[in-house]
C-alpha atoms as a PDB file:
ATOM      1  CA  MET A   1       0.115  12.631 -18.927  1.00  0.00           C
ATOM      2  CA  LYS A   2       3.129  13.317 -16.788  1.00  0.00           C
ATOM      3  CA  ILE A   3       3.436  10.774 -13.989  1.00  0.00           C
ATOM      4  CA  SER A   4       4.300  13.478 -11.547  1.00  0.00           C
ATOM      5  CA  GLU A   5       0.779  14.826 -12.130  1.00  0.00           C
ATOM      6  CA  LEU A   6      -0.723  11.372 -11.592  1.00  0.00           C
ATOM      7  CA  TYR A   7       0.656  11.349  -8.070  1.00  0.00           C
ATOM      8  CA  GLN A   8      -0.912  14.746  -7.412  1.00  0.00           C
ATOM      9  CA  GLU A   9      -4.333  13.560  -8.637  1.00  0.00           C
ATOM     10  CA  LYS A  10      -4.613  10.221  -6.854  1.00  0.00           C
ATOM     11  CA  ARG A  11      -2.993   7.949  -4.298  1.00  0.00           C
ATOM     12  CA  PRO A  12      -2.166   5.139  -4.499  1.00  0.00           C
ATOM     13  CA  VAL A  13      -0.870   4.912  -8.050  1.00  0.00           C
ATOM     14  CA  PHE A  14      -0.830   1.428  -9.549  1.00  0.00           C
ATOM     15  CA  SER A  15       1.781   0.575 -12.175  1.00  0.00           C
ATOM     16  CA  PHE A  16       3.806  -2.327 -13.506  1.00  0.00           C
ATOM     17  CA  GLU A  17       7.107  -2.949 -15.380  1.00  0.00           C
ATOM     18  CA  ILE A  18       7.846  -4.854 -18.560  1.00  0.00           C
ATOM     19  CA  PHE A  19      10.998  -5.375 -20.590  1.00  0.00           C
ATOM     20  CA  PRO A  20      11.710  -5.593 -24.336  1.00  0.00           C
ATOM     21  CA  PRO A  21      11.854  -9.232 -25.411  1.00  0.00           C
ATOM     22  CA  LYS A  22      15.218 -10.384 -26.776  1.00  0.00           C
ATOM     23  CA  LYS A  23      13.652 -12.107 -29.729  1.00  0.00           C
ATOM     24  CA  GLU A  24      11.498 -10.311 -32.306  1.00  0.00           C
ATOM     25  CA  GLN A  25       8.722 -12.923 -32.079  1.00  0.00           C
ATOM     26  CA  GLY A  26       8.352 -12.070 -28.457  1.00  0.00           C
ATOM     27  CA  ILE A  27       7.136  -8.557 -29.275  1.00  0.00           C
ATOM     28  CA  GLY A  28       3.766  -9.804 -30.498  1.00  0.00           C
ATOM     29  CA  VAL A  29       3.283 -11.896 -27.332  1.00  0.00           C
ATOM     30  CA  LEU A  30       4.136  -8.876 -25.193  1.00  0.00           C
ATOM     31  CA  TYR A  31       1.601  -6.699 -26.962  1.00  0.00           C
ATOM     32  CA  GLN A  32      -1.066  -9.370 -26.480  1.00  0.00           C
ATOM     33  CA  THR A  33      -0.223  -9.353 -22.747  1.00  0.00           C
ATOM     34  CA  LEU A  34      -0.441  -5.567 -22.570  1.00  0.00           C
ATOM     35  CA  ASP A  35      -3.776  -5.662 -24.413  1.00  0.00           C
ATOM     36  CA  GLU A  36      -5.086  -8.017 -21.723  1.00  0.00           C
ATOM     37  CA  LEU A  37      -3.742  -5.928 -18.892  1.00  0.00           C
ATOM     38  CA  ARG A  38      -4.923  -2.527 -20.064  1.00  0.00           C
ATOM     39  CA  HIS A  39      -8.468  -3.511 -19.031  1.00  0.00           C
ATOM     40  CA  TYR A  40      -7.252  -3.338 -15.416  1.00  0.00           C
ATOM     41  CA  ALA A  41      -6.535   0.392 -15.925  1.00  0.00           C
ATOM     42  CA  PRO A  42      -2.949   0.671 -14.761  1.00  0.00           C
ATOM     43  CA  ASP A  43      -1.910   4.251 -14.106  1.00  0.00           C
ATOM     44  CA  PHE A  44       1.352   3.826 -16.022  1.00  0.00           C
ATOM     45  CA  ILE A  45       3.535   1.121 -17.434  1.00  0.00           C
ATOM     46  CA  SER A  46       7.360   1.256 -17.280  1.00  0.00           C
ATOM     47  CA  VAL A  47       9.631  -0.180 -19.950  1.00  0.00           C
ATOM     48  CA  THR A  48      13.199  -1.184 -19.061  1.00  0.00           C
ATOM     49  CA  TYR A  49      16.255  -0.159 -21.027  1.00  0.00           C
ATOM     50  CA  GLY A  50      19.076  -2.464 -22.063  1.00  0.00           C
ATOM     51  CA  ALA A  51      22.810  -1.781 -21.863  1.00  0.00           C
ATOM     52  CA  GLY A  52      23.428  -2.675 -25.496  1.00  0.00           C
ATOM     53  CA  GLY A  53      23.447  -0.654 -28.684  1.00  0.00           C
ATOM     54  CA  ALA A  54      21.005   1.486 -30.577  1.00  0.00           C
ATOM     55  CA  GLY A  55      18.742  -1.482 -31.427  1.00  0.00           C
ATOM     56  CA  VAL A  56      18.063  -2.093 -27.787  1.00  0.00           C
ATOM     57  CA  HIS A  57      17.376   1.612 -27.154  1.00  0.00           C
ATOM     58  CA  SER A  58      14.894   1.797 -30.008  1.00  0.00           C
ATOM     59  CA  LYS A  59      12.975  -1.184 -28.735  1.00  0.00           C
ATOM     60  CA  THR A  60      12.233   0.528 -25.483  1.00  0.00           C
ATOM     61  CA  ARG A  61      11.071   3.627 -27.311  1.00  0.00           C
ATOM     62  CA  GLU A  62       8.895   1.675 -29.711  1.00  0.00           C
ATOM     63  CA  ILE A  63       7.210  -0.221 -26.913  1.00  0.00           C
ATOM     64  CA  ALA A  64       6.691   3.001 -24.933  1.00  0.00           C
ATOM     65  CA  GLU A  65       5.101   4.665 -27.948  1.00  0.00           C
ATOM     66  CA  LYS A  66       2.817   1.639 -28.446  1.00  0.00           C
ATOM     67  CA  ILE A  67       1.713   1.782 -24.811  1.00  0.00           C
ATOM     68  CA  GLN A  68       0.790   5.440 -25.142  1.00  0.00           C
ATOM     69  CA  ASN A  69      -0.644   5.538 -28.686  1.00  0.00           C
ATOM     70  CA  ASP A  70      -2.487   2.229 -28.877  1.00  0.00           C
ATOM     71  CA  PHE A  71      -3.235   1.362 -25.230  1.00  0.00           C
ATOM     72  CA  HIS A  72      -3.634   5.013 -24.039  1.00  0.00           C
ATOM     73  CA  VAL A  73      -1.609   4.482 -20.842  1.00  0.00           C
ATOM     74  CA  PRO A  74       1.276   6.739 -19.821  1.00  0.00           C
ATOM     75  CA  ALA A  75       4.608   5.043 -20.435  1.00  0.00           C
ATOM     76  CA  LEU A  76       7.674   5.438 -18.165  1.00  0.00           C
ATOM     77  CA  HIS A  77      10.764   5.057 -20.386  1.00  0.00           C
ATOM     78  CA  HIS A  78      13.841   3.787 -18.481  1.00  0.00           C
ATOM     79  CA  LEU A  79      17.066   5.526 -19.403  1.00  0.00           C
ATOM     80  CA  THR A  80      20.607   4.669 -18.250  1.00  0.00           C
ATOM     81  CA  GLY A  81      23.601   6.938 -18.363  1.00  0.00           C
ATOM     82  CA  ILE A  82      26.664   4.890 -17.394  1.00  0.00           C
ATOM     83  CA  ASN A  83      27.618   4.056 -21.030  1.00  0.00           C
ATOM     84  CA  SER A  84      26.517   7.334 -22.651  1.00  0.00           C
ATOM     85  CA  THR A  85      28.275  10.623 -23.357  1.00  0.00           C
ATOM     86  CA  LYS A  86      26.535  13.962 -22.901  1.00  0.00           C
ATOM     87  CA  ALA A  87      26.220  14.341 -26.673  1.00  0.00           C
ATOM     88  CA  GLU A  88      24.651  10.911 -27.046  1.00  0.00           C
ATOM     89  CA  MET A  89      22.225  11.601 -24.217  1.00  0.00           C
ATOM     90  CA  THR A  90      21.187  14.941 -25.701  1.00  0.00           C
ATOM     91  CA  GLU A  91      20.414  13.267 -29.012  1.00  0.00           C
ATOM     92  CA  ARG A  92      18.556  10.460 -27.259  1.00  0.00           C
ATOM     93  CA  LEU A  93      16.395  12.844 -25.273  1.00  0.00           C
ATOM     94  CA  ALA A  94      15.540  14.792 -28.431  1.00  0.00           C
ATOM     95  CA  VAL A  95      14.360  11.533 -30.110  1.00  0.00           C
ATOM     96  CA  LEU A  96      12.179  10.647 -27.077  1.00  0.00           C
ATOM     97  CA  LYS A  97      10.696  14.140 -26.961  1.00  0.00           C
ATOM     98  CA  ALA A  98       9.819  13.997 -30.608  1.00  0.00           C
ATOM     99  CA  ALA A  99       8.150  10.613 -30.043  1.00  0.00           C
ATOM    100  CA  GLY A 100       5.978  12.129 -27.324  1.00  0.00           C
ATOM    101  CA  ILE A 101       7.680  10.358 -24.461  1.00  0.00           C
ATOM    102  CA  GLU A 102       7.547  12.677 -21.427  1.00  0.00           C
ATOM    103  CA  ASN A 103       8.170  10.331 -18.510  1.00  0.00           C
ATOM    104  CA  ILE A 104      11.673   8.991 -17.855  1.00  0.00           C
ATOM    105  CA  LEU A 105      13.080   6.758 -15.083  1.00  0.00           C
ATOM    106  CA  ALA A 106      16.697   7.990 -14.836  1.00  0.00           C
ATOM    107  CA  LEU A 107      19.133   5.350 -13.733  1.00  0.00           C
ATOM    108  CA  ARG A 108      22.855   5.005 -13.573  1.00  0.00           C
ATOM    109  CA  GLY A 109      22.629   1.537 -15.078  1.00  0.00           C
ATOM    110  CA  ASP A 110      24.597  -1.638 -14.424  1.00  0.00           C
ATOM    111  CA  ARG A 111      28.266  -1.806 -15.195  1.00  0.00           C
ATOM    112  CA  VAL A 112      28.944  -3.948 -18.252  1.00  0.00           C
ATOM    113  CA  PRO A 113      31.947  -6.315 -17.927  1.00  0.00           C
ATOM    114  CA  GLY A 114      34.701  -5.361 -20.334  1.00  0.00           C
ATOM    115  CA  MET A 115      33.145  -1.984 -21.117  1.00  0.00           C
ATOM    116  CA  ALA A 116      34.621   1.178 -19.587  1.00  0.00           C
ATOM    117  CA  PRO A 117      31.858   3.489 -18.385  1.00  0.00           C
ATOM    118  CA  SER A 118      31.438   6.977 -19.749  1.00  0.00           C
ATOM    119  CA  GLN A 119      32.692   9.670 -17.390  1.00  0.00           C
ATOM    120  CA  ASP A 120      29.667  11.899 -18.017  1.00  0.00           C
ATOM    121  CA  PHE A 121      27.059   9.955 -16.070  1.00  0.00           C
ATOM    122  CA  LEU A 122      28.790   7.964 -13.379  1.00  0.00           C
ATOM    123  CA  HIS A 123      25.821   8.512 -11.029  1.00  0.00           C
ATOM    124  CA  ALA A 124      22.061   8.723 -11.534  1.00  0.00           C
ATOM    125  CA  THR A 125      22.036  12.260 -10.080  1.00  0.00           C
ATOM    126  CA  GLU A 126      24.064  13.528 -13.008  1.00  0.00           C
ATOM    127  CA  LEU A 127      21.591  12.012 -15.520  1.00  0.00           C
ATOM    128  CA  ILE A 128      18.648  13.372 -13.542  1.00  0.00           C
ATOM    129  CA  ALA A 129      20.135  16.871 -13.599  1.00  0.00           C
ATOM    130  CA  ALA A 130      20.756  16.685 -17.349  1.00  0.00           C
ATOM    131  CA  ILE A 131      17.194  15.628 -18.106  1.00  0.00           C
ATOM    132  CA  HIS A 132      15.802  18.207 -15.680  1.00  0.00           C
ATOM    133  CA  GLN A 133      17.067  21.001 -17.892  1.00  0.00           C
ATOM    134  CA  ASP A 134      14.071  20.315 -20.168  1.00  0.00           C
ATOM    135  CA  PRO A 135      10.750  20.939 -18.343  1.00  0.00           C
ATOM    136  CA  ALA A 136       9.033  18.688 -20.915  1.00  0.00           C
ATOM    137  CA  PHE A 137      10.048  15.623 -18.974  1.00  0.00           C
ATOM    138  CA  SER A 138       8.758  14.173 -15.668  1.00  0.00           C
ATOM    139  CA  ILE A 139      11.607  12.327 -13.963  1.00  0.00           C
ATOM    140  CA  GLY A 140      11.475   9.231 -11.829  1.00  0.00           C
ATOM    141  CA  ALA A 141      14.364   7.761  -9.879  1.00  0.00           C
ATOM    142  CA  ALA A 142      15.134   4.487  -8.100  1.00  0.00           C
ATOM    143  CA  CYS A 143      15.448   3.992  -4.389  1.00  0.00           C
ATOM    144  CA  TYR A 144      16.522   1.060  -2.301  1.00  0.00           C
ATOM    145  CA  PRO A 145      14.677  -0.059   0.904  1.00  0.00           C
ATOM    146  CA  GLU A 146      17.728  -2.174   1.979  1.00  0.00           C
ATOM    147  CA  GLY A 147      20.345   0.056   0.380  1.00  0.00           C
ATOM    148  CA  HIS A 148      22.004  -0.214  -2.990  1.00  0.00           C
ATOM    149  CA  ILE A 149      23.862  -3.465  -3.555  1.00  0.00           C
ATOM    150  CA  GLU A 150      27.123  -1.524  -3.850  1.00  0.00           C
ATOM    151  CA  GLU A 151      26.620   0.363  -0.567  1.00  0.00           C
ATOM    152  CA  LEU A 152      27.689  -1.414   2.601  1.00  0.00           C
ATOM    153  CA  ALA A 153      25.660   0.920   4.827  1.00  0.00           C
ATOM    154  CA  THR A 154      21.933   1.743   4.409  1.00  0.00           C
ATOM    155  CA  CYS A 155      22.644   5.036   6.111  1.00  0.00           C
ATOM    156  CA  GLU A 156      23.590   6.282   2.645  1.00  0.00           C
ATOM    157  CA  ASN A 157      19.958   6.079   1.616  1.00  0.00           C
ATOM    158  CA  GLY A 158      18.921   9.508   2.949  1.00  0.00           C
ATOM    159  CA  ARG A 159      21.830  11.315   1.271  1.00  0.00           C
ATOM    160  CA  HIS A 160      21.138   9.633  -2.038  1.00  0.00           C
ATOM    161  CA  LEU A 161      17.420  10.344  -1.966  1.00  0.00           C
ATOM    162  CA  LYS A 162      18.036  13.977  -1.156  1.00  0.00           C
ATOM    163  CA  ALA A 163      20.611  14.310  -3.942  1.00  0.00           C
ATOM    164  CA  LYS A 164      18.271  12.795  -6.537  1.00  0.00           C
ATOM    165  CA  ALA A 165      15.386  15.005  -5.380  1.00  0.00           C
ATOM    166  CA  ASP A 166      17.521  18.122  -5.482  1.00  0.00           C
ATOM    167  CA  ALA A 167      18.745  17.192  -8.990  1.00  0.00           C
ATOM    168  CA  GLY A 168      15.151  17.095 -10.214  1.00  0.00           C
ATOM    169  CA  ALA A 169      13.538  13.731  -9.500  1.00  0.00           C
ATOM    170  CA  ASP A 170       9.743  14.100  -9.247  1.00  0.00           C
ATOM    171  CA  PHE A 171       9.021  10.684  -7.830  1.00  0.00           C
ATOM    172  CA  PHE A 172      10.671   7.422  -6.751  1.00  0.00           C
ATOM    173  CA  ILE A 173      10.135   3.734  -7.392  1.00  0.00           C
ATOM    174  CA  SER A 174      11.689   1.305  -4.936  1.00  0.00           C
ATOM    175  CA  GLN A 175      13.702  -1.806  -5.720  1.00  0.00           C
ATOM    176  CA  LEU A 176      11.848  -5.021  -4.870  1.00  0.00           C
ATOM    177  CA  PHE A 177      11.751  -6.071  -1.253  1.00  0.00           C
ATOM    178  CA  PHE A 178      10.112  -8.925   0.668  1.00  0.00           C
ATOM    179  CA  GLN A 179       9.814  -7.395   4.135  1.00  0.00           C
ATOM    180  CA  ASN A 180       7.598  -4.341   4.447  1.00  0.00           C
ATOM    181  CA  ASP A 181       9.451  -3.026   7.454  1.00  0.00           C
ATOM    182  CA  SER A 182      12.360  -2.295   5.057  1.00  0.00           C
ATOM    183  CA  PHE A 183      10.106  -0.042   3.054  1.00  0.00           C
ATOM    184  CA  TYR A 184       8.677   1.691   6.045  1.00  0.00           C
ATOM    185  CA  ARG A 185      12.197   2.444   7.257  1.00  0.00           C
ATOM    186  CA  LEU A 186      12.938   3.916   3.813  1.00  0.00           C
ATOM    187  CA  GLN A 187       9.924   6.208   4.186  1.00  0.00           C
ATOM    188  CA  GLU A 188      11.197   7.328   7.553  1.00  0.00           C
ATOM    189  CA  VAL A 189      14.663   7.995   6.072  1.00  0.00           C
ATOM    190  CA  ALA A 190      13.053  10.068   3.319  1.00  0.00           C
ATOM    191  CA  GLU A 191      11.104  12.095   5.825  1.00  0.00           C
ATOM    192  CA  GLN A 192      14.215  12.721   7.919  1.00  0.00           C
ATOM    193  CA  ALA A 193      16.054  13.808   4.835  1.00  0.00           C
ATOM    194  CA  GLN A 194      13.178  16.208   4.002  1.00  0.00           C
ATOM    195  CA  VAL A 195      12.506  14.471   0.708  1.00  0.00           C
ATOM    196  CA  ALA A 196       8.888  15.283  -0.075  1.00  0.00           C
ATOM    197  CA  ARG A 197       8.465  13.122  -3.144  1.00  0.00           C
ATOM    198  CA  PRO A 198       6.021  10.221  -3.671  1.00  0.00           C
ATOM    199  CA  ILE A 199       7.573   6.754  -3.375  1.00  0.00           C
ATOM    200  CA  SER A 200       6.035   3.708  -5.026  1.00  0.00           C
ATOM    201  CA  ALA A 201       6.740   0.331  -3.487  1.00  0.00           C
ATOM    202  CA  GLY A 202       8.263  -2.172  -5.903  1.00  0.00           C
ATOM    203  CA  ILE A 203       6.920  -5.688  -5.515  1.00  0.00           C
ATOM    204  CA  MET A 204       7.841  -8.962  -7.196  1.00  0.00           C
ATOM    205  CA  PRO A 205       6.559 -12.416  -6.266  1.00  0.00           C
ATOM    206  CA  LEU A 206       9.198 -14.984  -5.555  1.00  0.00           C
ATOM    207  CA  THR A 207       8.064 -17.910  -7.694  1.00  0.00           C
ATOM    208  CA  ASN A 208      11.059 -20.308  -8.089  1.00  0.00           C
ATOM    209  CA  LYS A 209      14.325 -21.250  -6.459  1.00  0.00           C
ATOM    210  CA  ASP A 210      16.495 -19.970  -9.313  1.00  0.00           C
ATOM    211  CA  GLN A 211      14.883 -16.537  -8.936  1.00  0.00           C
ATOM    212  CA  LEU A 212      15.765 -16.686  -5.236  1.00  0.00           C
ATOM    213  CA  GLN A 213      19.482 -16.853  -6.020  1.00  0.00           C
ATOM    214  CA  ARG A 214      19.285 -14.024  -8.558  1.00  0.00           C
ATOM    215  CA  MET A 215      17.430 -11.733  -6.140  1.00  0.00           C
ATOM    216  CA  ILE A 216      19.925 -12.260  -3.310  1.00  0.00           C
ATOM    217  CA  PHE A 217      23.026 -11.656  -5.427  1.00  0.00           C
ATOM    218  CA  MET A 218      21.767  -9.098  -7.899  1.00  0.00           C
ATOM    219  CA  CYS A 219      19.588  -6.958  -5.603  1.00  0.00           C
ATOM    220  CA  GLY A 220      20.664  -7.770  -2.075  1.00  0.00           C
ATOM    221  CA  ALA A 221      17.084  -8.374  -1.070  1.00  0.00           C
ATOM    222  CA  SER A 222      16.772 -10.282   2.203  1.00  0.00           C
ATOM    223  CA  LEU A 223      14.245 -13.058   2.705  1.00  0.00           C
ATOM    224  CA  PRO A 224      11.940 -13.368   5.755  1.00  0.00           C
ATOM    225  CA  ALA A 225      11.566 -16.746   7.431  1.00  0.00           C
ATOM    226  CA  GLU A 226       8.032 -17.101   6.196  1.00  0.00           C
ATOM    227  CA  LEU A 227       9.126 -16.939   2.583  1.00  0.00           C
ATOM    228  CA  ILE A 228      12.042 -19.302   3.095  1.00  0.00           C
ATOM    229  CA  LYS A 229       9.640 -21.850   4.586  1.00  0.00           C
ATOM    230  CA  LEU A 230       7.364 -21.572   1.598  1.00  0.00           C
ATOM    231  CA  ILE A 231      10.275 -22.259  -0.723  1.00  0.00           C
ATOM    232  CA  TYR A 232      11.207 -25.302   1.336  1.00  0.00           C
ATOM    233  CA  ARG A 233       7.675 -26.599   1.461  1.00  0.00           C
ATOM    234  CA  TYR A 234       7.015 -26.284  -2.282  1.00  0.00           C
ATOM    235  CA  GLU A 235      10.536 -26.737  -3.765  1.00  0.00           C
ATOM    236  CA  ASP A 236       9.333 -29.859  -5.689  1.00  0.00           C
ATOM    237  CA  ASP A 237       5.978 -28.334  -6.668  1.00  0.00           C
ATOM    238  CA  PRO A 238       6.599 -25.356  -9.001  1.00  0.00           C
ATOM    239  CA  ALA A 239       2.927 -24.565  -9.512  1.00  0.00           C
ATOM    240  CA  SER A 240       2.196 -24.405  -5.728  1.00  0.00           C
ATOM    241  CA  LEU A 241       5.353 -22.379  -5.137  1.00  0.00           C
ATOM    242  CA  LYS A 242       4.336 -19.859  -7.775  1.00  0.00           C
ATOM    243  CA  ALA A 243       0.796 -19.567  -6.307  1.00  0.00           C
ATOM    244  CA  ALA A 244       2.236 -19.186  -2.770  1.00  0.00           C
ATOM    245  CA  GLY A 245       4.724 -16.537  -3.982  1.00  0.00           C
ATOM    246  CA  ILE A 246       1.931 -14.480  -5.579  1.00  0.00           C
ATOM    247  CA  GLU A 247      -0.246 -14.840  -2.491  1.00  0.00           C
ATOM    248  CA  TYR A 248       2.637 -13.601  -0.296  1.00  0.00           C
ATOM    249  CA  ALA A 249       3.159 -10.614  -2.579  1.00  0.00           C
ATOM    250  CA  ILE A 250      -0.563  -9.725  -2.414  1.00  0.00           C
ATOM    251  CA  LYS A 251      -0.393  -9.802   1.393  1.00  0.00           C
ATOM    252  CA  GLN A 252       2.561  -7.437   1.211  1.00  0.00           C
ATOM    253  CA  ILE A 253       0.575  -5.082  -0.968  1.00  0.00           C
ATOM    254  CA  GLU A 254      -2.472  -5.173   1.278  1.00  0.00           C
ATOM    255  CA  ASP A 255      -0.421  -4.213   4.228  1.00  0.00           C
ATOM    256  CA  LEU A 256       1.325  -1.430   2.272  1.00  0.00           C
ATOM    257  CA  LEU A 257      -2.104  -0.024   1.220  1.00  0.00           C
ATOM    258  CA  LYS A 258      -3.248  -0.022   4.840  1.00  0.00           C
ATOM    259  CA  HIS A 259      -0.192   2.103   5.641  1.00  0.00           C
ATOM    260  CA  GLY A 260      -1.119   4.648   2.969  1.00  0.00           C
ATOM    261  CA  VAL A 261       1.651   3.934   0.419  1.00  0.00           C
ATOM    262  CA  ASP A 262       1.954   6.393  -2.459  1.00  0.00           C
ATOM    263  CA  GLY A 263       1.949   3.713  -5.091  1.00  0.00           C
ATOM    264  CA  ILE A 264       2.386   0.053  -5.914  1.00  0.00           C
ATOM    265  CA  HIS A 265       4.773  -0.886  -8.781  1.00  0.00           C
ATOM    266  CA  LEU A 266       4.666  -4.526  -9.897  1.00  0.00           C
ATOM    267  CA  TYR A 267       7.713  -6.154 -11.439  1.00  0.00           C
ATOM    268  CA  ALA A 268       5.655  -8.196 -13.841  1.00  0.00           C
ATOM    269  CA  MET A 269       8.476  -9.886 -15.829  1.00  0.00           C
ATOM    270  CA  ASN A 270       6.222  -9.779 -18.895  1.00  0.00           C
ATOM    271  CA  GLN A 271       3.786 -12.175 -17.238  1.00  0.00           C
ATOM    272  CA  SER A 272       0.125 -11.213 -16.903  1.00  0.00           C
ATOM    273  CA  GLU A 273      -0.833 -13.713 -14.188  1.00  0.00           C
ATOM    274  CA  PHE A 274       0.757 -11.747 -11.328  1.00  0.00           C
ATOM    275  CA  VAL A 275      -0.618  -8.350 -12.429  1.00  0.00           C
ATOM    276  CA  LYS A 276      -4.099  -9.852 -12.866  1.00  0.00           C
ATOM    277  CA  ALA A 277      -4.064 -11.465  -9.465  1.00  0.00           C
ATOM    278  CA  VAL A 278      -2.959  -8.276  -7.731  1.00  0.00           C
ATOM    279  CA  PHE A 279      -5.429  -6.017  -9.479  1.00  0.00           C
ATOM    280  CA  GLU A 280      -8.299  -8.375  -8.888  1.00  0.00           C
ATOM    281  CA  ALA A 281      -7.375  -8.766  -5.211  1.00  0.00           C
ATOM    282  CA  VAL A 282      -6.635  -5.150  -4.228  1.00  0.00           C
ATOM    283  CA  LYS A 283      -7.584  -2.664  -6.950  1.00  0.00           C
ATOM    284  CA  LYS A 284     -11.358  -2.536  -6.629  1.00  0.00           C
END
């Protein structure tokens, strides 16, 4: 099923994200995790896409096919354009279409140090427009409650949302955030920009101090005082910190649901514990 149709049939939509393991032995573990999680009836599962060569690309496709064919859940195949030419992307889309993949999250992708980007897809909007030429695909796009890490001003949010929607994006999934007010402001910006597309809220639990540093510098996500205090309180107790981080994320989700959010997208990091806890707490 196309994910754009899911949003038309029900709200909220529940989904989660996984990534291809770097080591081959990790694939079996990932499939065991997915087998456990399918019993919670997610509406779709997204699979991230690496910046490397063809082997990385094929892993995403293989996992997406497995999700659809064996677990009978729609898969959202991530696709990045920054290091691809138009010819390469045309071939890649043909392969995905032949494999029965019809849902794509179109992203610019991260810049790779030492690798000059292709000039064909310097922005996500260009990739969205290219995919939109084929009506077989339903297209998702990323959005940023606190603005993209490369943008100094969040006022760019409305312009970027509108450009992606006009290029052919059917729905949006937000980057992670820890303060719901940031997401509600994004919703207001979308409304002001006359972007009438569903937006799923991206949620990840903060479970360790190393993760804190990565989130701040990679995503630009700000931390509320409540979460900082939890980290301080449990910095020498990893199990309690993890439990507190999941509990905080569940409270975030409960508040988002009360405000009528279009969807909840969990950044699962290939771990079942967080997804199970959320689904058991809020998806009844």
